[in-house]
Amino acid sequence: MTDDVVQELALLRDLGYTHLDLAGAKRVATSPAIATATATDTFAEGTSTEAEWAALRAETHNCDACRLAGTRTNVVFGVGSTTADLMFIGEAPGRDEDEQGEPFVGRAGQLLTDIIKAMKLTRDDVYIANVIKCRPPENRNPEPDEIEQCRPFIQRQVALVQPKVIVALGRVGLQALTGKSYAISSVRGQWLDFEGIRLMPTYHPAYLLRTPSAKKDVWNDMKKVMAELGIQF
């Protein structure tokens, strides 16, 4: 048994799994006609949103509206299926994400990937992004003016994807997305609304690395998401 398999089984144990029903696996439906736009995006071939995604990506990569543009290595736009039923939205890129230009690729990102796998999905089945597209220095929390400059980008990504469910990862990501002063401990696991879309707040994977006991709380939240999307568990 490989180390990767052992690690994934350990995560499933931590999330509360007692057995795996692989025969009952059901994925979130995506468009049957998928084309690869870039290394990070897939979209339905020939749709009107193809040009809109290209324009949004270019605008984001050329953005110099706040101080973060002067310290970034890469703009971290987003990754996954642009027709996904499920979006994961965090706060901002970290060091690994800044270096690679892709969201959630460090240790916290690997944990998010494992959670997605436990939901019987892959990163290609969902869309993953951050509210802030450039890494804040030393991984500090983004400043209010930085959030205000960047929020329109994530709002447009949500409008283009049109997911059925959004999972907001962590307090800062939730507050930055919604513009409301939610406490993650108070609203975690409760359905909220974001522009007519079901929004599930939960703990950030980085918090789970520091507090492994909270994995079961996140898994309970993800089971609600799976039920909303019709995924058997």
Protein backbone atom coordinates (compact mmCIF):
# COMPACT_ATOMS: atom_id res chain seq x y z
CA MET A 1 0.00 0.00 0.00
CA THR A 2 1.50 3.34 -1.07
CA ASP A 3 2.07 6.27 1.28
CA ASP A 4 -0.54 8.29 -0.64
CA VAL A 5 -3.18 5.61 -0.08
CA VAL A 6 -2.28 5.33 3.60
CA GLN A 7 -2.56 9.11 4.02
CA GLU A 8 -5.91 9.23 2.24
CA LEU A 9 -7.31 6.39 4.35
CA ALA A 10 -6.09 8.19 7.49
CA LEU A 11 -7.94 11.33 6.41
CA LEU A 12 -11.12 9.37 5.77
CA ARG A 13 -10.80 7.87 9.25
CA ASP A 14 -10.39 11.37 10.73
CA LEU A 15 -13.45 12.54 8.80
CA GLY A 16 -15.50 9.78 10.38
CA TYR A 17 -15.69 7.20 7.55
CA THR A 18 -16.15 3.61 8.74
CA HIS A 19 -16.48 2.04 5.27
CA LEU A 20 -16.28 3.09 1.61
CA ASP A 21 -19.10 2.40 -0.84
CA LEU A 22 -17.24 2.87 -4.12
CA ALA A 23 -20.07 1.35 -6.11
CA GLY A 24 -22.35 4.18 -5.02
CA ALA A 25 -20.02 6.93 -6.14
CA LYS A 26 -21.76 9.79 -7.89
CA ARG A 27 -20.09 12.90 -9.23
CA VAL A 28 -21.37 16.40 -9.70
CA ALA A 29 -22.46 16.62 -13.30
CA THR A 30 -20.38 18.68 -15.67
CA SER A 31 -20.88 19.48 -19.31
CA PRO A 32 -20.25 16.46 -21.58
CA ALA A 33 -18.33 18.64 -24.03
CA ILE A 34 -15.22 19.87 -22.21
CA ALA A 35 -12.29 21.70 -23.74
CA THR A 36 -9.07 22.71 -22.03
CA ALA A 37 -8.68 26.48 -22.14
CA THR A 38 -5.52 26.70 -20.09
CA ALA A 39 -3.75 24.48 -17.60
CA THR A 40 -6.28 25.59 -14.99
CA ASP A 41 -9.66 26.06 -16.72
CA THR A 42 -12.12 23.76 -18.47
CA PHE A 43 -15.27 25.06 -20.08
CA ALA A 44 -18.02 23.88 -22.39
CA GLU A 45 -16.70 24.12 -25.93
CA GLY A 46 -18.15 26.92 -28.03
CA THR A 47 -20.00 28.66 -25.19
CA SER A 48 -20.30 32.42 -25.02
CA THR A 49 -18.45 32.40 -21.70
CA GLU A 50 -15.19 31.30 -23.31
CA ALA A 51 -14.44 34.87 -24.39
CA GLU A 52 -15.68 36.23 -21.06
CA TRP A 53 -13.31 33.95 -19.16
CA ALA A 54 -10.41 34.98 -21.36
CA ALA A 55 -11.19 38.66 -20.83
CA LEU A 56 -11.55 38.24 -17.06
CA ARG A 57 -8.31 36.29 -16.82
CA ALA A 58 -6.44 38.94 -18.79
CA GLU A 59 -7.90 41.74 -16.70
CA THR A 60 -6.95 39.96 -13.49
CA HIS A 61 -3.40 39.24 -14.62
CA ASN A 62 -2.91 42.86 -15.68
CA CYS A 63 -4.37 44.31 -12.48
CA ASP A 64 -2.22 46.80 -10.56
CA ALA A 65 -5.02 48.41 -8.58
CA CYS A 66 -3.52 47.75 -5.14
CA ARG A 67 -0.15 47.38 -3.44
CA LEU A 68 -0.16 43.58 -3.76
CA ALA A 69 0.64 43.87 -7.46
CA GLY A 70 4.11 45.11 -6.54
CA THR A 71 5.01 42.10 -4.39
CA ARG A 72 3.39 39.17 -6.19
CA THR A 73 5.22 36.56 -8.22
CA ASN A 74 2.09 35.34 -10.00
CA VAL A 75 -1.58 36.22 -10.12
CA VAL A 76 -3.51 33.22 -8.78
CA PHE A 77 -6.70 33.19 -10.82
CA GLY A 78 -8.54 29.89 -10.29
CA VAL A 79 -8.59 26.23 -11.27
CA GLY A 80 -11.13 23.60 -12.26
CA SER A 81 -14.32 23.26 -14.25
CA THR A 82 -15.94 26.54 -15.19
CA THR A 83 -19.30 24.74 -15.38
CA ALA A 84 -18.99 23.15 -11.93
CA ASP A 85 -21.91 22.78 -9.55
CA LEU A 86 -19.55 23.33 -6.61
CA MET A 87 -17.09 26.15 -5.91
CA PHE A 88 -14.55 26.38 -3.09
CA ILE A 89 -13.50 29.94 -2.25
CA GLY A 90 -10.68 30.86 0.13
CA GLU A 91 -9.12 34.14 1.14
CA ALA A 92 -5.75 34.63 -0.57
CA PRO A 93 -2.77 32.75 -2.03
CA GLY A 94 0.13 31.63 0.13
CA ARG A 95 3.78 31.18 -0.81
CA ASP A 96 3.32 27.96 -2.80
CA GLU A 97 0.33 29.38 -4.65
CA ASP A 98 2.20 32.59 -5.45
CA GLU A 99 5.10 30.58 -6.87
CA GLN A 100 2.95 28.22 -8.95
CA GLY A 101 0.07 30.53 -9.90
CA GLU A 102 -2.56 27.99 -8.79
CA PRO A 103 -4.80 28.09 -5.70
CA PHE A 104 -4.49 25.58 -2.86
CA VAL A 105 -1.34 23.69 -3.84
CA GLY A 106 0.55 23.74 -0.51
CA ARG A 107 -0.11 21.58 2.56
CA ALA A 108 -3.54 23.13 3.10
CA GLY A 109 -4.26 22.64 -0.58
CA GLN A 110 -3.38 18.95 -0.39
CA LEU A 111 -5.80 18.58 2.51
CA LEU A 112 -8.51 20.34 0.48
CA THR A 113 -7.81 17.94 -2.40
CA ASP A 114 -8.20 14.99 -0.02
CA ILE A 115 -11.51 16.39 1.25
CA ILE A 116 -12.73 16.76 -2.33
CA LYS A 117 -11.72 13.14 -2.99
CA ALA A 118 -13.61 12.05 0.11
CA MET A 119 -16.66 13.75 -1.41
CA LYS A 120 -16.24 11.38 -4.42
CA LEU A 121 -15.07 14.25 -6.62
CA THR A 122 -11.81 15.51 -8.10
CA ARG A 123 -10.36 18.99 -8.46
CA ASP A 124 -11.45 18.84 -12.11
CA ASP A 125 -15.08 18.43 -11.01
CA VAL A 126 -15.14 21.65 -8.96
CA TYR A 127 -13.90 25.23 -9.29
CA ILE A 128 -11.38 26.55 -6.74
CA ALA A 129 -10.42 30.20 -6.28
CA ASN A 130 -9.54 32.85 -3.72
CA VAL A 131 -11.13 36.23 -3.21
CA ILE A 132 -7.69 37.87 -3.28
CA LYS A 133 -5.68 37.02 -6.38
CA CYS A 134 -2.21 38.09 -5.16
CA ARG A 135 -0.33 36.91 -2.09
CA PRO A 136 -0.26 39.37 0.82
CA PRO A 137 3.32 39.73 2.13
CA GLU A 138 4.19 37.23 4.88
CA ASN A 139 0.71 35.73 4.47
CA ARG A 140 -0.87 38.58 6.44
CA ASN A 141 -4.64 39.08 6.26
CA PRO A 142 -5.66 41.19 3.27
CA GLU A 143 -6.40 44.83 3.98
CA PRO A 144 -9.94 46.20 3.45
CA ASP A 145 -8.93 48.23 0.39
CA GLU A 146 -7.25 45.18 -1.15
CA ILE A 147 -10.43 43.18 -0.64
CA GLU A 148 -12.54 45.91 -2.22
CA GLN A 149 -10.30 46.03 -5.29
CA CYS A 150 -10.31 42.24 -5.72
CA ARG A 151 -13.90 41.32 -4.78
CA PRO A 152 -15.33 42.15 -8.24
CA PHE A 153 -13.09 39.45 -9.77
CA ILE A 154 -14.47 36.65 -7.59
CA GLN A 155 -18.00 37.97 -8.05
CA ARG A 156 -17.57 37.71 -11.82
CA GLN A 157 -16.08 34.22 -11.50
CA VAL A 158 -19.12 33.12 -9.49
CA ALA A 159 -21.44 34.69 -12.08
CA LEU A 160 -19.69 32.82 -14.90
CA VAL A 161 -19.52 29.44 -13.16
CA GLN A 162 -23.07 29.70 -11.79
CA PRO A 163 -22.53 26.96 -9.19
CA LYS A 164 -25.31 25.41 -7.18
CA VAL A 165 -23.22 25.54 -4.00
CA ILE A 166 -20.28 27.63 -2.76
CA VAL A 167 -18.10 26.48 0.13
CA ALA A 168 -16.42 29.44 1.82
CA LEU A 169 -13.18 28.39 3.49
CA GLY A 170 -12.41 30.26 6.70
CA ARG A 171 -13.45 33.51 8.34
CA VAL A 172 -11.42 35.87 6.18
CA GLY A 173 -12.54 34.23 2.96
CA LEU A 174 -16.19 34.27 4.06
CA GLN A 175 -16.05 37.91 5.13
CA ALA A 176 -14.14 38.99 2.02
CA LEU A 177 -16.60 37.21 -0.27
CA THR A 178 -19.79 38.46 1.36
CA GLY A 179 -18.66 41.80 2.79
CA LYS A 180 -20.27 40.83 6.11
CA SER A 181 -18.63 40.42 9.52
CA TYR A 182 -19.45 36.78 10.09
CA ALA A 183 -17.71 34.79 12.82
CA ILE A 184 -16.83 31.44 11.29
CA SER A 185 -17.44 29.60 14.57
CA SER A 186 -21.01 30.97 14.66
CA VAL A 187 -22.07 30.27 11.08
CA ARG A 188 -19.98 27.22 10.19
CA GLY A 189 -22.22 24.43 8.97
CA GLN A 190 -25.21 26.72 8.41
CA TRP A 191 -26.60 27.48 4.98
CA LEU A 192 -26.24 31.11 3.95
CA ASP A 193 -27.14 32.87 0.72
CA PHE A 194 -24.75 34.57 -1.69
CA GLU A 195 -26.50 36.26 -4.60
CA GLY A 196 -29.08 33.48 -4.77
CA ILE A 197 -26.54 30.65 -4.41
CA ARG A 198 -26.40 28.27 -1.45
CA LEU A 199 -23.32 29.14 0.62
CA MET A 200 -21.76 26.79 3.17
CA PRO A 201 -19.11 28.30 5.48
CA THR A 202 -16.57 25.94 6.98
CA TYR A 203 -13.09 25.97 8.48
CA HIS A 204 -10.09 26.67 6.29
CA PRO A 205 -7.86 23.63 5.59
CA ALA A 206 -4.94 25.52 7.18
CA TYR A 207 -6.93 25.60 10.43
CA LEU A 208 -7.45 21.84 10.17
CA LEU A 209 -3.68 21.35 9.96
CA ARG A 210 -3.37 23.17 13.28
CA THR A 211 -6.53 21.65 14.79
CA PRO A 212 -7.05 18.12 13.43
CA SER A 213 -10.02 17.54 15.74
CA ALA A 214 -12.01 20.03 13.62
CA LYS A 215 -11.88 17.71 10.59
CA LYS A 216 -15.06 16.00 11.74
CA ASP A 217 -16.86 19.35 11.83
CA VAL A 218 -15.78 20.08 8.26
CA TRP A 219 -16.83 16.61 7.15
CA ASN A 220 -20.28 17.16 8.64
CA ASP A 221 -20.47 20.38 6.62
CA MET A 222 -19.36 18.59 3.45
CA LYS A 223 -22.02 15.91 3.95
CA LYS A 224 -24.61 18.70 3.86
CA VAL A 225 -23.06 19.94 0.63
CA MET A 226 -23.10 16.43 -0.85
CA ALA A 227 -26.75 16.01 0.09
CA GLU A 228 -27.60 19.34 -1.53
CA LEU A 229 -25.87 18.22 -4.73
CA GLY A 230 -27.38 14.74 -4.69
CA ILE A 231 -24.06 12.95 -4.06
CA GLN A 232 -24.47 9.71 -2.10
CA PHE A 233 -22.29 9.17 0.96
